[in-house]
Amino acid sequence: MRSRVAPRNARFPSTRPESAPLRSPSCRGLIDSGRINDKLARQALEGVLAGEGDPTQVVEARGLEVVSDDGALTAAVQEALDANPDIVEKIKGGKVQAASALVGAVMKATRGQADAARVRELIMEMVGA
């Protein structure tokens, strides 16, 4: 007699208690609202699995929210522009793709907490491209 085995791709709900926060809509809601990005969501889930609370509590306790304050972003963008004059010249010369390197520098400076789309907009405004 042959035993019945579920196919490899079958999905079964987990009964482990630690998986409950992963199914919670609150993390998805934080991403959808723009409070956190995918990278920050991973960090929040690590906190949830470590028992630090629900995703919202972890985000608040760890200060994981996306930085979208123009004042803070402008300062970080200006720092990146000053440190990379060669890239600024490329952007002014029409190589708009070079802005990605500056976005990366700002993301690094803000530990991944900057709003990347807003950073790109600020770069383009400040460079005048």
C-alpha atoms as a PDB file:
ATOM      1  CA  MET A   1       0.000   0.000   0.000  1.00  0.00           C
ATOM      2  CA  ARG A   2       1.295   3.383  -0.997  1.00  0.00           C
ATOM      3  CA  SER A   3       1.251   6.344   1.396  1.00  0.00           C
ATOM      4  CA  ARG A   4      -0.205   9.603   0.200  1.00  0.00           C
ATOM      5  CA  VAL A   5       2.251  12.464   0.081  1.00  0.00           C
ATOM      6  CA  ALA A   6       1.364  16.041  -0.647  1.00  0.00           C
ATOM      7  CA  PRO A   7       3.011  17.576  -3.706  1.00  0.00           C
ATOM      8  CA  ARG A   8       6.156  19.642  -3.080  1.00  0.00           C
ATOM      9  CA  ASN A   9       4.424  22.908  -3.881  1.00  0.00           C
ATOM     10  CA  ALA A  10       1.453  22.343  -1.568  1.00  0.00           C
ATOM     11  CA  ARG A  11       1.004  25.095   0.980  1.00  0.00           C
ATOM     12  CA  PHE A  12      -0.022  24.307   4.502  1.00  0.00           C
ATOM     13  CA  PRO A  13      -0.666  26.873   7.198  1.00  0.00           C
ATOM     14  CA  SER A  14       1.955  26.792   9.886  1.00  0.00           C
ATOM     15  CA  THR A  15       0.832  25.926  13.368  1.00  0.00           C
ATOM     16  CA  ARG A  16       3.983  27.365  14.927  1.00  0.00           C
ATOM     17  CA  PRO A  17       3.165  30.376  17.094  1.00  0.00           C
ATOM     18  CA  GLU A  18       6.125  32.384  15.775  1.00  0.00           C
ATOM     19  CA  SER A  19       4.674  32.335  12.264  1.00  0.00           C
ATOM     20  CA  ALA A  20       1.569  34.290  13.301  1.00  0.00           C
ATOM     21  CA  PRO A  21       3.221  37.731  12.946  1.00  0.00           C
ATOM     22  CA  LEU A  22       4.368  36.823   9.452  1.00  0.00           C
ATOM     23  CA  ARG A  23       0.762  36.382   8.416  1.00  0.00           C
ATOM     24  CA  SER A  24      -0.220  39.634  10.084  1.00  0.00           C
ATOM     25  CA  PRO A  25      -1.377  42.372   7.729  1.00  0.00           C
ATOM     26  CA  SER A  26       0.261  45.039   9.902  1.00  0.00           C
ATOM     27  CA  CYS A  27       3.707  44.612   8.291  1.00  0.00           C
ATOM     28  CA  ARG A  28       2.206  44.815   4.808  1.00  0.00           C
ATOM     29  CA  GLY A  29       0.257  47.867   5.907  1.00  0.00           C
ATOM     30  CA  LEU A  30       3.445  49.565   7.105  1.00  0.00           C
ATOM     31  CA  ILE A  31       5.024  48.987   3.698  1.00  0.00           C
ATOM     32  CA  ASP A  32       1.923  50.089   1.789  1.00  0.00           C
ATOM     33  CA  SER A  33       1.658  53.276   3.854  1.00  0.00           C
ATOM     34  CA  GLY A  34       5.288  54.131   3.119  1.00  0.00           C
ATOM     35  CA  ARG A  35       6.401  54.017   6.762  1.00  0.00           C
ATOM     36  CA  ILE A  36       8.948  51.297   5.958  1.00  0.00           C
ATOM     37  CA  ASN A  37      10.512  49.810   2.826  1.00  0.00           C
ATOM     38  CA  ASP A  38      11.321  46.164   2.067  1.00  0.00           C
ATOM     39  CA  LYS A  39      14.725  46.292   3.734  1.00  0.00           C
ATOM     40  CA  LEU A  40      13.307  47.814   6.894  1.00  0.00           C
ATOM     41  CA  ALA A  41      10.448  45.285   6.841  1.00  0.00           C
ATOM     42  CA  ARG A  42      13.002  42.462   7.018  1.00  0.00           C
ATOM     43  CA  GLN A  43      14.565  44.084  10.063  1.00  0.00           C
ATOM     44  CA  ALA A  44      11.136  44.509  11.639  1.00  0.00           C
ATOM     45  CA  LEU A  45      10.326  40.841  11.059  1.00  0.00           C
ATOM     46  CA  GLU A  46      13.621  39.850  12.666  1.00  0.00           C
ATOM     47  CA  GLY A  47      12.522  41.823  15.726  1.00  0.00           C
ATOM     48  CA  VAL A  48       9.100  40.183  15.705  1.00  0.00           C
ATOM     49  CA  LEU A  49      10.688  36.735  15.577  1.00  0.00           C
ATOM     50  CA  ALA A  50      13.026  37.742  18.414  1.00  0.00           C
ATOM     51  CA  GLY A  51       9.947  38.481  20.528  1.00  0.00           C
ATOM     52  CA  GLU A  52      10.169  42.279  20.523  1.00  0.00           C
ATOM     53  CA  GLY A  53       6.462  42.720  19.766  1.00  0.00           C
ATOM     54  CA  ASP A  54       4.315  43.200  16.690  1.00  0.00           C
ATOM     55  CA  PRO A  55       5.753  44.868  13.556  1.00  0.00           C
ATOM     56  CA  THR A  56       4.520  48.348  14.508  1.00  0.00           C
ATOM     57  CA  GLN A  57       6.094  48.101  17.965  1.00  0.00           C
ATOM     58  CA  VAL A  58       9.401  46.887  16.527  1.00  0.00           C
ATOM     59  CA  VAL A  59       9.487  49.688  13.925  1.00  0.00           C
ATOM     60  CA  GLU A  60       8.879  52.308  16.608  1.00  0.00           C
ATOM     61  CA  ALA A  61      11.302  50.797  19.147  1.00  0.00           C
ATOM     62  CA  ARG A  62      14.130  50.379  16.628  1.00  0.00           C
ATOM     63  CA  GLY A  63      13.486  53.646  14.784  1.00  0.00           C
ATOM     64  CA  LEU A  64      13.098  51.886  11.451  1.00  0.00           C
ATOM     65  CA  GLU A  65      10.798  54.352   9.725  1.00  0.00           C
ATOM     66  CA  VAL A  66      11.674  55.705   6.289  1.00  0.00           C
ATOM     67  CA  VAL A  67      13.245  59.165   6.350  1.00  0.00           C
ATOM     68  CA  SER A  68      11.122  61.392   4.154  1.00  0.00           C
ATOM     69  CA  ASP A  69      11.839  64.742   5.830  1.00  0.00           C
ATOM     70  CA  ASP A  70      13.158  66.988   3.059  1.00  0.00           C
ATOM     71  CA  GLY A  71      15.514  68.795   5.433  1.00  0.00           C
ATOM     72  CA  ALA A  72      17.355  65.638   6.430  1.00  0.00           C
ATOM     73  CA  LEU A  73      17.295  64.266   2.892  1.00  0.00           C
ATOM     74  CA  THR A  74      18.548  67.505   1.365  1.00  0.00           C
ATOM     75  CA  ALA A  75      21.523  67.517   3.720  1.00  0.00           C
ATOM     76  CA  ALA A  76      22.370  63.898   2.853  1.00  0.00           C
ATOM     77  CA  VAL A  77      21.967  64.569  -0.888  1.00  0.00           C
ATOM     78  CA  GLN A  78      24.166  67.667  -0.698  1.00  0.00           C
ATOM     79  CA  GLU A  79      26.833  65.625   1.082  1.00  0.00           C
ATOM     80  CA  ALA A  80      26.696  62.985  -1.682  1.00  0.00           C
ATOM     81  CA  LEU A  81      26.873  65.661  -4.392  1.00  0.00           C
ATOM     82  CA  ASP A  82      29.888  67.305  -2.749  1.00  0.00           C
ATOM     83  CA  ALA A  83      31.678  63.978  -2.383  1.00  0.00           C
ATOM     84  CA  ASN A  84      31.052  62.921  -6.007  1.00  0.00           C
ATOM     85  CA  PRO A  85      31.610  65.861  -8.390  1.00  0.00           C
ATOM     86  CA  ASP A  86      32.477  63.506 -11.260  1.00  0.00           C
ATOM     87  CA  ILE A  87      29.062  61.840 -11.048  1.00  0.00           C
ATOM     88  CA  VAL A  88      27.378  65.244 -10.886  1.00  0.00           C
ATOM     89  CA  GLU A  89      29.110  66.183 -14.164  1.00  0.00           C
ATOM     90  CA  LYS A  90      27.920  62.948 -15.779  1.00  0.00           C
ATOM     91  CA  ILE A  91      24.346  63.734 -14.784  1.00  0.00           C
ATOM     92  CA  LYS A  92      24.645  67.275 -16.109  1.00  0.00           C
ATOM     93  CA  GLY A  93      26.055  65.796 -19.333  1.00  0.00           C
ATOM     94  CA  GLY A  94      22.874  63.745 -19.834  1.00  0.00           C
ATOM     95  CA  LYS A  95      23.768  60.441 -18.151  1.00  0.00           C
ATOM     96  CA  VAL A  96      20.787  60.421 -15.828  1.00  0.00           C
ATOM     97  CA  GLN A  97      21.486  56.792 -14.888  1.00  0.00           C
ATOM     98  CA  ALA A  98      24.540  58.016 -12.960  1.00  0.00           C
ATOM     99  CA  ALA A  99      22.128  59.387 -10.349  1.00  0.00           C
ATOM    100  CA  SER A 100      21.740  55.816  -9.094  1.00  0.00           C
ATOM    101  CA  ALA A 101      25.242  55.968  -7.639  1.00  0.00           C
ATOM    102  CA  LEU A 102      24.291  59.076  -5.688  1.00  0.00           C
ATOM    103  CA  VAL A 103      21.044  57.484  -4.533  1.00  0.00           C
ATOM    104  CA  GLY A 104      23.139  54.568  -3.281  1.00  0.00           C
ATOM    105  CA  ALA A 105      25.462  56.919  -1.395  1.00  0.00           C
ATOM    106  CA  VAL A 106      22.507  58.615   0.295  1.00  0.00           C
ATOM    107  CA  MET A 107      20.931  55.258   1.152  1.00  0.00           C
ATOM    108  CA  LYS A 108      24.226  54.165   2.694  1.00  0.00           C
ATOM    109  CA  ALA A 109      24.488  57.388   4.692  1.00  0.00           C
ATOM    110  CA  THR A 110      20.943  56.985   6.006  1.00  0.00           C
ATOM    111  CA  ARG A 111      21.366  53.243   6.674  1.00  0.00           C
ATOM    112  CA  GLY A 112      18.721  52.411   4.076  1.00  0.00           C
ATOM    113  CA  GLN A 113      16.076  54.563   5.718  1.00  0.00           C
ATOM    114  CA  ALA A 114      15.776  57.266   3.051  1.00  0.00           C
ATOM    115  CA  ASP A 115      12.876  57.363   0.622  1.00  0.00           C
ATOM    116  CA  ALA A 116      14.811  56.416  -2.532  1.00  0.00           C
ATOM    117  CA  ALA A 117      12.282  57.959  -4.915  1.00  0.00           C
ATOM    118  CA  ARG A 118      12.386  61.281  -3.075  1.00  0.00           C
ATOM    119  CA  VAL A 119      16.204  61.135  -2.951  1.00  0.00           C
ATOM    120  CA  ARG A 120      16.314  60.730  -6.742  1.00  0.00           C
ATOM    121  CA  GLU A 121      13.957  63.705  -7.168  1.00  0.00           C
ATOM    122  CA  LEU A 122      16.123  65.860  -4.892  1.00  0.00           C
ATOM    123  CA  ILE A 123      19.290  64.859  -6.747  1.00  0.00           C
ATOM    124  CA  MET A 124      17.782  65.813 -10.075  1.00  0.00           C
ATOM    125  CA  GLU A 125      16.492  69.131  -8.678  1.00  0.00           C
ATOM    126  CA  MET A 126      19.786  70.011  -7.014  1.00  0.00           C
ATOM    127  CA  VAL A 127      21.908  69.075 -10.029  1.00  0.00           C
ATOM    128  CA  GLY A 128      19.550  70.930 -12.330  1.00  0.00           C
ATOM    129  CA  ALA A 129      19.093  68.058 -14.754  1.00  0.00           C
END
